[in-house]
Amino acid sequence: MLKKFLKLLLLFVVVLIIIVLVQTWRFTAPLKQTKSVAIPSLPDSAIQHLSAAIQIPTISVSDTLPADSVALRQFRAFIEKTYPLVHQKLQRIIIDSFSYIYYWPGKNTSLQPNVLMAHQDVVPVETATEKEWKAPPFSGQITDSAIWGRGAIDDKGNLISICEAAEKLLKQGYQPQRSFYLCFGHDEELGGSMGAAKIVVWMQHHNIHPALVCDEGGFITKENFKELGRPIALLGVAEKGYASFELTVDAEGGHSSMPAKETAIDILSKALVNIRSSQMPARFTEPTNEMLQKIGPAMPFVTRMALANRWLFNPMLISKFESSNGTNATIHSTIVPTIINAGMKDNVIPSHAEAVVNSRILPGETSSDVLDFLKKTINDDRVKIKNYGGVFEPGKSAAASSDGYKKVDSLTYTLMDNLVPVPFLMIGATDSRYFRNIADVVIDFTPMLDPKGFHGIDERMSISDYQRLVYYYEKMLQQ
């Protein structure tokens, strides 16, 4: 009986191996070889313009503070002077004092318009880190290879590139076939509620339904997917949702010399530990599946085998994705504490403790799912949970089969030799999330190569990236 069982087991294993190998063989295909175009070099004036834009500190500090009207007015005067044809030939609509829509009518106004987006504001620079910068953060210092300063990548590089491309084409007397709206918000770093959100309201009021919206987002990477040996263009076709929750605990306080067995801080700390020691269920979203489907057939054998036989190796894939913070965030709705407050004096046990946790929500899940997970994971009625700030549920995804996606996809092949564009789930949030309800397709992509200093120290835009950006936006306007 045992011998018969072992024979059957061996047969099962052999059949399983054959199935796995056949599926792997069928999932094998090389990526096509492509050749980029010769991208025109930048005039010195374009480099000076980005440098000058960086020197204007359009900092968004907090949504409880008013916008820095002095810096934003200075920036407005700068773009008016620097790009005269944009302001002479295009209609400008001012939204909430400092956000702008530039309307460029096309030859065929019956076609749905396209939208190119960027934002003017930048995040602050931590005072303690200023001495660590190789160039002062708002100097706009120019070297042989880069332009340095806060906003170079996020997001004045995009904004100035759009303006450079538009001004160049206007000088040539060019008019696009399809109408364009150039939209520049002023509070993206605070959530975009006064800028992009109101731009969308204006478009809805005027019954404007864009065919394609392009904003900052994914980039070109050689540092990720190294096993492919090819640069990958991450075309953001969807964004995770956004929600924050406030956790509060009230318990008896008192003198620190006579502590109770549990204090408000103890209870809150346990809740936070429980949250961080658990994760919401892993799930591969449509953009991630499409990305894996495209690059999978060219991956090394073991990875290709796992992707071709996900019915068997899905736990291994999940473990692989969870090994990196970045890829882990593409398969989980994440939850992390970002604010914690309790106490006012070192010898007083506080009676109140509070914390804020921020969640980035996978498409297909909702803020209600996150709230249910928090309640179940904390499992303590003493911890009160409520929404903190605004909630953005995940928006719709742009299909890789859509015309808008195909336009961006085809253009990326011209940017770098053997570049491989793939659909990508944005784990951060951009102003474009407001447009997903009114536009056919939204793509978040900035053709920079593994940018450095994003929201951190030594932010800079390489000259080669800047050159690529201006070319990219010029061709977008000409499509």
Protein backbone atom coordinates (compact mmCIF):
# COMPACT_ATOMS: atom_id res chain seq x y z
CA MET A 1 0.00 0.00 0.00
CA LEU A 2 2.82 2.42 0.92
CA LYS A 3 4.69 1.52 -2.26
CA LYS A 4 1.63 2.26 -4.38
CA PHE A 5 1.14 5.57 -2.61
CA LEU A 6 4.77 6.57 -3.21
CA LYS A 7 4.45 5.71 -6.91
CA LEU A 8 1.34 7.87 -7.19
CA LEU A 9 3.09 10.68 -5.34
CA LEU A 10 6.08 10.45 -7.67
CA LEU A 11 3.76 10.50 -10.69
CA PHE A 12 2.01 13.56 -9.31
CA VAL A 13 5.33 15.36 -8.78
CA VAL A 14 6.53 14.51 -12.29
CA VAL A 15 3.27 15.73 -13.85
CA LEU A 16 3.46 18.88 -11.76
CA ILE A 17 7.04 19.57 -12.88
CA ILE A 18 6.07 19.03 -16.53
CA ILE A 19 3.14 21.44 -16.21
CA VAL A 20 5.32 24.07 -14.54
CA LEU A 21 8.07 23.76 -17.16
CA VAL A 22 5.62 23.88 -20.08
CA GLN A 23 3.89 26.96 -18.65
CA THR A 24 7.29 28.59 -18.12
CA TRP A 25 8.35 27.81 -21.70
CA ARG A 26 5.10 29.28 -23.03
CA PHE A 27 5.69 32.43 -20.94
CA THR A 28 9.08 33.10 -22.53
CA ALA A 29 9.64 35.97 -24.97
CA PRO A 30 12.42 38.52 -25.45
CA LEU A 31 11.67 42.21 -25.17
CA LYS A 32 11.93 44.03 -28.47
CA GLN A 33 15.01 46.11 -29.15
CA THR A 34 14.26 49.80 -29.76
CA LYS A 35 16.27 52.85 -30.73
CA SER A 36 15.77 56.35 -29.34
CA VAL A 37 15.88 59.55 -31.36
CA ALA A 38 18.51 62.25 -31.13
CA ILE A 39 17.00 64.62 -28.57
CA PRO A 40 17.86 68.28 -29.28
CA SER A 41 20.19 69.97 -26.82
CA LEU A 42 18.85 72.72 -24.58
CA PRO A 43 19.55 76.40 -25.13
CA ASP A 44 21.42 78.04 -22.27
CA SER A 45 18.35 80.18 -21.61
CA ALA A 46 16.28 77.10 -20.69
CA ILE A 47 18.83 76.10 -18.07
CA GLN A 48 18.87 79.63 -16.65
CA HIS A 49 15.06 79.65 -16.54
CA LEU A 50 14.83 76.51 -14.40
CA SER A 51 17.56 77.85 -12.14
CA ALA A 52 15.65 81.12 -11.68
CA ALA A 53 12.39 79.25 -10.98
CA ILE A 54 14.06 77.23 -8.21
CA GLN A 55 15.30 80.43 -6.57
CA ILE A 56 11.72 81.53 -5.86
CA PRO A 57 10.77 79.71 -2.60
CA THR A 58 7.14 78.82 -3.30
CA ILE A 59 6.98 76.69 -0.16
CA SER A 60 3.82 74.97 1.04
CA VAL A 61 4.24 74.63 4.79
CA SER A 62 0.90 73.57 6.24
CA ASP A 63 -2.75 73.46 5.25
CA THR A 64 -3.50 75.49 8.38
CA LEU A 65 -1.37 78.39 7.12
CA PRO A 66 -2.16 80.69 4.20
CA ALA A 67 -0.27 80.34 0.94
CA ASP A 68 2.93 82.38 0.63
CA SER A 69 1.37 85.04 -1.58
CA VAL A 70 4.64 86.99 -1.92
CA ALA A 71 6.54 84.03 -3.40
CA LEU A 72 3.60 82.94 -5.57
CA ARG A 73 3.16 86.45 -6.98
CA GLN A 74 6.88 86.57 -7.67
CA PHE A 75 6.64 83.25 -9.48
CA ARG A 76 3.69 84.50 -11.54
CA ALA A 77 5.66 87.60 -12.58
CA PHE A 78 8.59 85.35 -13.48
CA ILE A 79 6.64 83.07 -15.84
CA GLU A 80 4.84 86.06 -17.39
CA LYS A 81 8.18 87.68 -18.23
CA THR A 82 9.99 84.48 -19.20
CA TYR A 83 7.27 83.06 -21.47
CA PRO A 84 5.67 86.06 -23.21
CA LEU A 85 4.08 84.13 -26.09
CA VAL A 86 2.41 81.69 -23.70
CA HIS A 87 0.75 84.71 -22.09
CA GLN A 88 0.02 86.55 -25.34
CA LYS A 89 -1.30 83.65 -27.42
CA LEU A 90 -3.01 81.45 -24.83
CA GLN A 91 -5.97 82.35 -22.67
CA ARG A 92 -5.11 82.32 -18.95
CA ILE A 93 -7.73 81.57 -16.32
CA ILE A 94 -6.72 82.25 -12.70
CA ILE A 95 -8.14 79.86 -10.10
CA ASP A 96 -8.11 80.78 -6.39
CA SER A 97 -5.61 83.60 -6.96
CA PHE A 98 -2.54 81.45 -7.71
CA SER A 99 -3.46 78.39 -9.80
CA TYR A 100 -3.56 78.78 -13.57
CA ILE A 101 -5.20 77.25 -16.61
CA TYR A 102 -3.73 78.12 -20.02
CA TYR A 103 -6.07 77.29 -22.88
CA TRP A 104 -4.46 76.55 -26.26
CA PRO A 105 -7.24 76.02 -28.84
CA GLY A 106 -6.57 73.34 -31.40
CA LYS A 107 -7.39 73.30 -35.09
CA ASN A 108 -10.17 70.82 -34.46
CA THR A 109 -12.07 71.96 -31.37
CA SER A 110 -14.53 69.08 -31.77
CA LEU A 111 -11.84 66.74 -30.46
CA GLN A 112 -11.64 66.17 -26.71
CA PRO A 113 -8.77 68.25 -25.29
CA ASN A 114 -5.63 67.01 -23.57
CA VAL A 115 -4.24 68.33 -20.28
CA LEU A 116 -0.59 68.79 -19.23
CA MET A 117 -0.13 69.38 -15.51
CA ALA A 118 2.49 70.53 -13.02
CA HIS A 119 2.53 72.37 -9.70
CA GLN A 120 4.34 75.47 -8.49
CA ASP A 121 4.72 74.72 -4.79
CA VAL A 122 7.53 72.81 -3.11
CA VAL A 123 8.03 71.14 0.25
CA PRO A 124 10.07 72.91 2.95
CA VAL A 125 13.70 72.19 3.66
CA GLU A 126 14.41 71.03 7.21
CA THR A 127 16.54 73.68 8.88
CA ALA A 128 18.77 71.06 10.48
CA THR A 129 19.65 69.59 7.05
CA GLU A 130 20.50 72.79 5.18
CA LYS A 131 24.22 72.46 5.94
CA GLU A 132 24.19 68.96 4.43
CA TRP A 133 23.21 70.21 0.97
CA LYS A 134 26.06 70.41 -1.54
CA ALA A 135 24.46 73.60 -2.90
CA PRO A 136 22.10 75.92 -0.97
CA PRO A 137 18.58 74.50 -1.42
CA PHE A 138 17.13 77.59 -3.11
CA SER A 139 20.24 78.64 -5.01
CA GLY A 140 19.35 77.04 -8.33
CA GLN A 141 23.07 76.38 -8.71
CA ILE A 142 24.10 75.17 -12.16
CA THR A 143 26.91 72.66 -12.65
CA ASP A 144 28.10 70.81 -15.74
CA SER A 145 25.64 67.99 -15.12
CA ALA A 146 22.70 69.33 -13.08
CA ILE A 147 20.59 72.18 -11.75
CA TRP A 148 20.37 72.01 -7.96
CA GLY A 149 17.67 73.03 -5.51
CA ARG A 150 14.32 72.35 -3.94
CA GLY A 151 11.69 71.89 -6.62
CA ALA A 152 14.08 70.87 -9.41
CA ILE A 153 12.40 67.45 -9.56
CA ASP A 154 9.18 68.14 -7.68
CA ASP A 155 7.81 69.85 -9.65
CA LYS A 156 9.25 72.96 -11.25
CA GLY A 157 11.26 70.82 -13.65
CA ASN A 158 8.00 69.65 -15.21
CA LEU A 159 6.36 73.05 -15.12
CA ILE A 160 9.26 74.88 -16.74
CA SER A 161 9.68 72.09 -19.31
CA ILE A 162 6.04 72.46 -20.35
CA CYS A 163 6.46 76.23 -20.68
CA GLU A 164 9.72 75.87 -22.62
CA ALA A 165 8.09 73.44 -25.07
CA ALA A 166 5.00 75.64 -25.50
CA GLU A 167 7.00 78.84 -26.00
CA LYS A 168 9.22 77.15 -28.59
CA LEU A 169 6.25 75.87 -30.60
CA LEU A 170 4.44 79.22 -30.39
CA LYS A 171 7.55 80.93 -31.81
CA GLN A 172 7.25 78.56 -34.76
CA GLY A 173 3.62 79.53 -35.26
CA TYR A 174 2.48 76.05 -34.32
CA GLN A 175 -1.12 75.23 -33.45
CA PRO A 176 -1.98 71.77 -32.13
CA GLN A 177 -4.58 69.66 -33.85
CA ARG A 178 -6.29 69.02 -30.53
CA SER A 179 -6.87 71.70 -27.87
CA PHE A 180 -4.65 71.68 -24.78
CA TYR A 181 -5.09 72.92 -21.23
CA LEU A 182 -1.87 73.61 -19.33
CA CYS A 183 -2.80 73.44 -15.63
CA PHE A 184 -0.46 74.65 -12.88
CA GLY A 185 -1.71 74.22 -9.30
CA HIS A 186 -0.21 75.99 -6.30
CA ASP A 187 -0.92 73.64 -3.35
CA GLU A 188 -0.21 70.09 -4.50
CA GLU A 189 2.06 69.49 -1.52
CA LEU A 190 -0.92 70.24 0.75
CA GLY A 191 -3.39 68.05 -1.11
CA GLY A 192 -4.42 70.30 -4.00
CA SER A 193 -7.82 71.28 -2.57
CA MET A 194 -7.45 74.95 -3.52
CA GLY A 195 -5.68 74.40 -6.84
CA ALA A 196 -6.23 71.20 -8.83
CA ALA A 197 -9.55 70.43 -7.17
CA LYS A 198 -10.94 73.83 -8.15
CA ILE A 199 -9.48 73.54 -11.66
CA VAL A 200 -11.51 70.35 -12.07
CA VAL A 201 -14.64 72.10 -10.75
CA TRP A 202 -14.07 74.83 -13.36
CA MET A 203 -13.73 72.19 -16.09
CA GLN A 204 -16.89 70.42 -14.95
CA HIS A 205 -18.76 73.75 -14.99
CA HIS A 206 -17.61 74.31 -18.59
CA ASN A 207 -18.38 70.70 -19.59
CA ILE A 208 -14.75 69.92 -20.42
CA HIS A 209 -14.00 66.21 -20.66
CA PRO A 210 -10.27 65.61 -21.35
CA ALA A 211 -9.20 62.66 -23.45
CA LEU A 212 -5.77 62.48 -21.78
CA VAL A 213 -4.27 64.06 -18.66
CA CYS A 214 -0.51 63.89 -18.07
CA ASP A 215 1.01 64.71 -14.68
CA GLU A 216 4.15 63.99 -12.68
CA GLY A 217 4.55 60.47 -11.38
CA GLY A 218 6.45 57.39 -12.43
CA PHE A 219 9.94 57.75 -13.85
CA ILE A 220 12.56 55.83 -15.82
CA THR A 221 14.55 53.39 -13.74
CA LYS A 222 17.68 51.32 -14.22
CA GLU A 223 18.11 50.74 -10.49
CA ASN A 224 14.97 48.60 -10.27
CA PHE A 225 14.40 45.43 -12.34
CA LYS A 226 18.16 45.09 -12.79
CA GLU A 227 17.74 41.46 -13.85
CA LEU A 228 16.15 42.69 -17.10
CA GLY A 229 19.20 44.74 -18.00
CA ARG A 230 16.90 47.32 -19.60
CA PRO A 231 15.63 50.75 -18.49
CA ILE A 232 11.97 50.65 -17.44
CA ALA A 233 9.52 53.54 -17.89
CA LEU A 234 6.93 53.43 -15.09
CA LEU A 235 3.71 54.86 -16.54
CA GLY A 236 1.40 55.61 -13.62
CA VAL A 237 -2.06 54.45 -14.67
CA ALA A 238 -3.64 54.46 -11.21
CA GLU A 239 -3.07 55.94 -7.76
CA LYS A 240 -3.65 54.53 -4.33
CA GLY A 241 -6.29 56.23 -2.23
CA TYR A 242 -5.52 58.35 0.81
CA ALA A 243 -7.05 58.47 4.27
CA SER A 244 -5.90 59.35 7.77
CA PHE A 245 -7.44 58.30 11.07
CA GLU A 246 -7.10 59.78 14.54
CA LEU A 247 -6.73 57.37 17.46
CA THR A 248 -7.50 58.78 20.91
CA VAL A 249 -7.32 57.27 24.39
CA ASP A 250 -8.62 58.81 27.61
CA ALA A 251 -7.61 57.24 30.91
CA GLU A 252 -6.97 58.33 34.46
CA GLY A 253 -3.79 60.37 34.74
CA GLY A 254 -2.01 61.52 37.84
CA HIS A 255 1.35 61.82 39.50
CA SER A 256 4.19 59.92 37.83
CA SER A 257 5.27 58.52 41.23
CA MET A 258 2.11 56.37 41.41
CA PRO A 259 1.50 55.00 37.90
CA ALA A 260 -1.45 52.75 37.15
CA LYS A 261 -0.88 49.39 35.46
CA GLU A 262 -1.96 50.96 32.16
CA THR A 263 -1.86 54.58 31.16
CA ALA A 264 -3.31 56.34 28.12
CA ILE A 265 0.13 56.19 26.53
CA ASP A 266 0.41 52.45 27.22
CA ILE A 267 -2.95 51.72 25.63
CA LEU A 268 -2.24 53.87 22.58
CA SER A 269 1.26 52.40 22.17
CA LYS A 270 -0.12 48.85 22.17
CA ALA A 271 -2.64 49.86 19.52
CA LEU A 272 0.11 51.27 17.31
CA VAL A 273 2.30 48.19 17.80
CA ASN A 274 -0.63 45.95 16.80
CA ILE A 275 -1.19 48.02 13.65
CA ARG A 276 2.46 47.93 12.65
CA SER A 277 2.84 44.21 13.31
CA SER A 278 -0.02 43.41 10.92
CA GLN A 279 -0.79 44.22 7.30
CA MET A 280 -3.97 44.33 5.30
CA PRO A 281 -4.20 41.37 2.90
CA ALA A 282 -1.84 41.29 -0.07
CA ARG A 283 -3.38 41.69 -3.50
CA PHE A 284 -1.97 42.22 -6.99
CA THR A 285 -3.88 45.05 -8.66
CA GLU A 286 -4.59 45.32 -12.38
CA PRO A 287 -1.69 47.75 -13.09
CA THR A 288 0.79 45.50 -11.29
CA ASN A 289 -0.51 42.41 -13.07
CA GLU A 290 -0.19 44.20 -16.42
CA MET A 291 3.37 45.24 -15.58
CA LEU A 292 4.34 41.68 -14.63
CA GLN A 293 2.66 40.32 -17.75
CA LYS A 294 4.77 42.60 -19.95
CA ILE A 295 8.20 42.17 -18.37
CA GLY A 296 7.69 38.65 -16.99
CA PRO A 297 8.49 36.74 -20.21
CA ALA A 298 11.97 38.35 -20.30
CA MET A 299 12.84 37.77 -16.66
CA PRO A 300 15.38 35.14 -15.47
CA PHE A 301 14.15 31.55 -15.34
CA VAL A 302 13.17 31.30 -11.65
CA THR A 303 11.21 34.56 -11.69
CA ARG A 304 9.62 33.69 -15.02
CA MET A 305 8.62 30.28 -13.67
CA ALA A 306 6.94 31.88 -10.67
CA LEU A 307 5.07 34.40 -12.83
CA ALA A 308 3.97 31.76 -15.33
CA ASN A 309 2.62 29.52 -12.55
CA ARG A 310 1.13 31.96 -10.09
CA TRP A 311 -1.50 29.41 -9.09
CA LEU A 312 1.38 27.57 -7.43
CA PHE A 313 3.95 30.24 -6.59
CA ASN A 314 1.81 33.21 -5.55
CA PRO A 315 2.93 33.01 -1.90
CA MET A 316 6.55 33.18 -3.07
CA LEU A 317 5.77 36.24 -5.23
CA ILE A 318 4.07 37.95 -2.31
CA SER A 319 7.08 37.26 -0.10
CA LYS A 320 9.37 38.69 -2.78
CA PHE A 321 7.28 41.87 -3.07
CA GLU A 322 7.11 42.24 0.71
CA SER A 323 10.89 42.19 0.99
CA SER A 324 11.09 45.79 -0.28
CA ASN A 325 9.25 48.80 1.13
CA GLY A 326 8.47 50.10 -2.34
CA THR A 327 7.11 46.88 -3.83
CA ASN A 328 5.36 45.96 -0.59
CA ALA A 329 3.34 49.16 -0.95
CA THR A 330 2.11 48.03 -4.38
CA ILE A 331 0.36 44.93 -2.98
CA HIS A 332 -0.93 46.20 0.38
CA SER A 333 -3.03 49.04 1.64
CA THR A 334 -0.45 50.49 4.01
CA ILE A 335 -1.05 52.04 7.44
CA VAL A 336 1.62 53.93 9.37
CA PRO A 337 1.64 56.32 12.38
CA THR A 338 2.65 59.85 11.36
CA ILE A 339 1.70 62.00 14.38
CA ILE A 340 1.67 61.21 18.10
CA ASN A 341 0.92 63.51 21.03
CA ALA A 342 0.62 62.97 24.77
CA GLY A 343 1.77 64.64 27.94
CA MET A 344 2.85 68.13 28.95
CA LYS A 345 5.23 67.65 31.89
CA ASP A 346 7.75 65.00 32.82
CA ASN A 347 6.21 64.16 36.22
CA VAL A 348 2.57 64.11 35.13
CA ILE A 349 0.90 61.03 33.66
CA PRO A 350 -1.33 62.36 30.86
CA SER A 351 -5.00 61.46 30.83
CA HIS A 352 -5.21 61.89 27.06
CA ALA A 353 -3.07 60.45 24.25
CA GLU A 354 -3.64 60.71 20.54
CA ALA A 355 -2.05 59.61 17.29
CA VAL A 356 -2.72 59.90 13.58
CA VAL A 357 -2.18 57.00 11.20
CA ASN A 358 -2.05 57.50 7.45
CA SER A 359 -3.23 54.90 4.96
CA ARG A 360 -2.57 54.57 1.24
CA ILE A 361 -5.36 52.42 -0.15
CA LEU A 362 -5.12 49.88 -2.96
CA PRO A 363 -7.55 50.20 -5.87
CA GLY A 364 -10.42 47.85 -5.16
CA GLU A 365 -10.42 48.69 -1.44
CA THR A 366 -11.91 51.64 0.43
CA SER A 367 -11.33 53.77 3.51
CA SER A 368 -14.13 51.77 5.18
CA ASP A 369 -12.07 48.61 4.69
CA VAL A 370 -9.14 50.32 6.38
CA LEU A 371 -11.31 51.46 9.28
CA ASP A 372 -12.66 47.93 9.75
CA PHE A 373 -9.10 46.58 9.74
CA LEU A 374 -8.02 49.13 12.37
CA LYS A 375 -10.90 48.23 14.68
CA LYS A 376 -10.27 44.51 14.34
CA THR A 377 -6.49 44.80 14.73
CA ILE A 378 -6.56 47.16 17.72
CA ASN A 379 -9.41 45.20 19.35
CA ASP A 380 -9.72 47.64 22.23
CA ASP A 381 -12.83 49.76 22.76
CA ARG A 382 -10.79 52.23 24.81
CA VAL A 383 -9.13 53.39 21.58
CA LYS A 384 -11.52 55.70 19.74
CA ILE A 385 -11.06 55.98 15.98
CA LYS A 386 -12.33 58.70 13.66
CA ASN A 387 -11.43 60.20 10.30
CA TYR A 388 -8.71 62.82 10.29
CA GLY A 389 -8.80 65.24 7.36
CA GLY A 390 -9.97 64.48 3.84
CA VAL A 391 -10.43 61.06 2.28
CA PHE A 392 -9.58 60.18 -1.31
CA GLU A 393 -10.86 56.81 -2.38
CA PRO A 394 -8.79 55.08 -5.09
CA GLY A 395 -9.73 56.36 -8.55
CA LYS A 396 -10.21 54.45 -11.76
CA SER A 397 -7.27 52.96 -13.60
CA ALA A 398 -6.24 53.85 -17.16
CA ALA A 399 -6.35 50.75 -19.34
CA ALA A 400 -3.18 49.83 -21.20
CA SER A 401 -5.41 49.25 -24.24
CA SER A 402 -6.70 52.86 -24.23
CA ASP A 403 -5.70 55.39 -26.91
CA GLY A 404 -4.28 57.77 -24.30
CA TYR A 405 -2.02 55.13 -22.80
CA LYS A 406 -0.85 54.04 -26.24
CA LYS A 407 0.13 57.63 -27.12
CA VAL A 408 2.37 57.96 -24.06
CA ASP A 409 3.65 54.41 -24.46
CA SER A 410 4.74 54.98 -28.06
CA LEU A 411 6.43 58.28 -27.24
CA THR A 412 8.53 56.75 -24.45
CA TYR A 413 10.30 54.45 -26.91
CA THR A 414 11.92 57.52 -28.48
CA LEU A 415 13.40 58.73 -25.18
CA MET A 416 16.11 56.12 -24.53
CA ASP A 417 17.54 53.07 -26.25
CA ASN A 418 15.74 49.82 -25.40
CA LEU A 419 13.37 51.53 -22.99
CA VAL A 420 10.49 49.33 -21.80
CA PRO A 421 7.29 51.22 -20.82
CA VAL A 422 5.04 49.39 -18.34
CA PRO A 423 1.80 50.20 -16.48
CA PHE A 424 2.47 51.20 -12.89
CA LEU A 425 0.48 51.74 -9.69
CA MET A 426 1.36 55.08 -8.09
CA ILE A 427 1.83 54.59 -4.35
CA GLY A 428 1.95 58.36 -3.71
CA ALA A 429 -0.65 61.01 -4.48
CA THR A 430 -0.60 63.72 -7.15
CA ASP A 431 -2.93 66.51 -8.26
CA SER A 432 -4.08 64.31 -11.14
CA ARG A 433 -6.29 62.26 -8.80
CA TYR A 434 -8.90 65.00 -9.09
CA PHE A 435 -9.02 64.50 -12.86
CA ARG A 436 -9.70 60.77 -12.84
CA ASN A 437 -13.45 61.34 -12.58
CA ILE A 438 -13.64 63.65 -15.61
CA ALA A 439 -10.90 62.35 -17.95
CA ASP A 440 -10.84 59.26 -20.14
CA VAL A 441 -7.20 58.51 -19.31
CA VAL A 442 -4.78 59.88 -16.70
CA ILE A 443 -1.08 59.00 -16.96
CA ASP A 444 1.42 60.01 -14.27
CA PHE A 445 4.90 59.95 -15.77
CA THR A 446 8.01 62.13 -15.68
CA PRO A 447 10.81 60.87 -17.98
CA MET A 448 13.66 61.39 -15.50
CA LEU A 449 16.19 58.62 -14.91
CA ASP A 450 16.23 57.48 -11.27
CA PRO A 451 15.88 61.06 -9.90
CA LYS A 452 17.81 62.01 -6.76
CA GLY A 453 16.83 64.15 -3.78
CA PHE A 454 13.06 63.88 -4.14
CA HIS A 455 11.66 65.60 -0.99
CA GLY A 456 15.10 65.17 0.54
CA ILE A 457 18.65 66.48 0.56
CA ASP A 458 20.46 67.52 -2.63
CA GLU A 459 17.43 67.59 -4.90
CA ARG A 460 18.60 68.27 -8.43
CA MET A 461 17.62 67.90 -12.07
CA SER A 462 20.27 66.48 -14.37
CA ILE A 463 20.77 68.39 -17.60
CA SER A 464 20.10 65.21 -19.59
CA ASP A 465 16.79 64.66 -17.75
CA TYR A 466 15.77 68.26 -18.32
CA GLN A 467 16.60 67.93 -22.00
CA ARG A 468 14.46 64.78 -22.16
CA LEU A 469 11.55 66.48 -20.36
CA VAL A 470 11.38 69.44 -22.75
CA TYR A 471 11.48 67.08 -25.73
CA TYR A 472 8.78 64.86 -24.19
CA TYR A 473 6.37 67.75 -23.64
CA GLU A 474 7.08 69.20 -27.08
CA LYS A 475 6.14 65.90 -28.67
CA MET A 476 3.06 65.56 -26.45
CA LEU A 477 1.88 68.95 -27.74
CA GLN A 478 2.56 67.87 -31.31
CA GLN A 479 0.73 64.52 -31.11
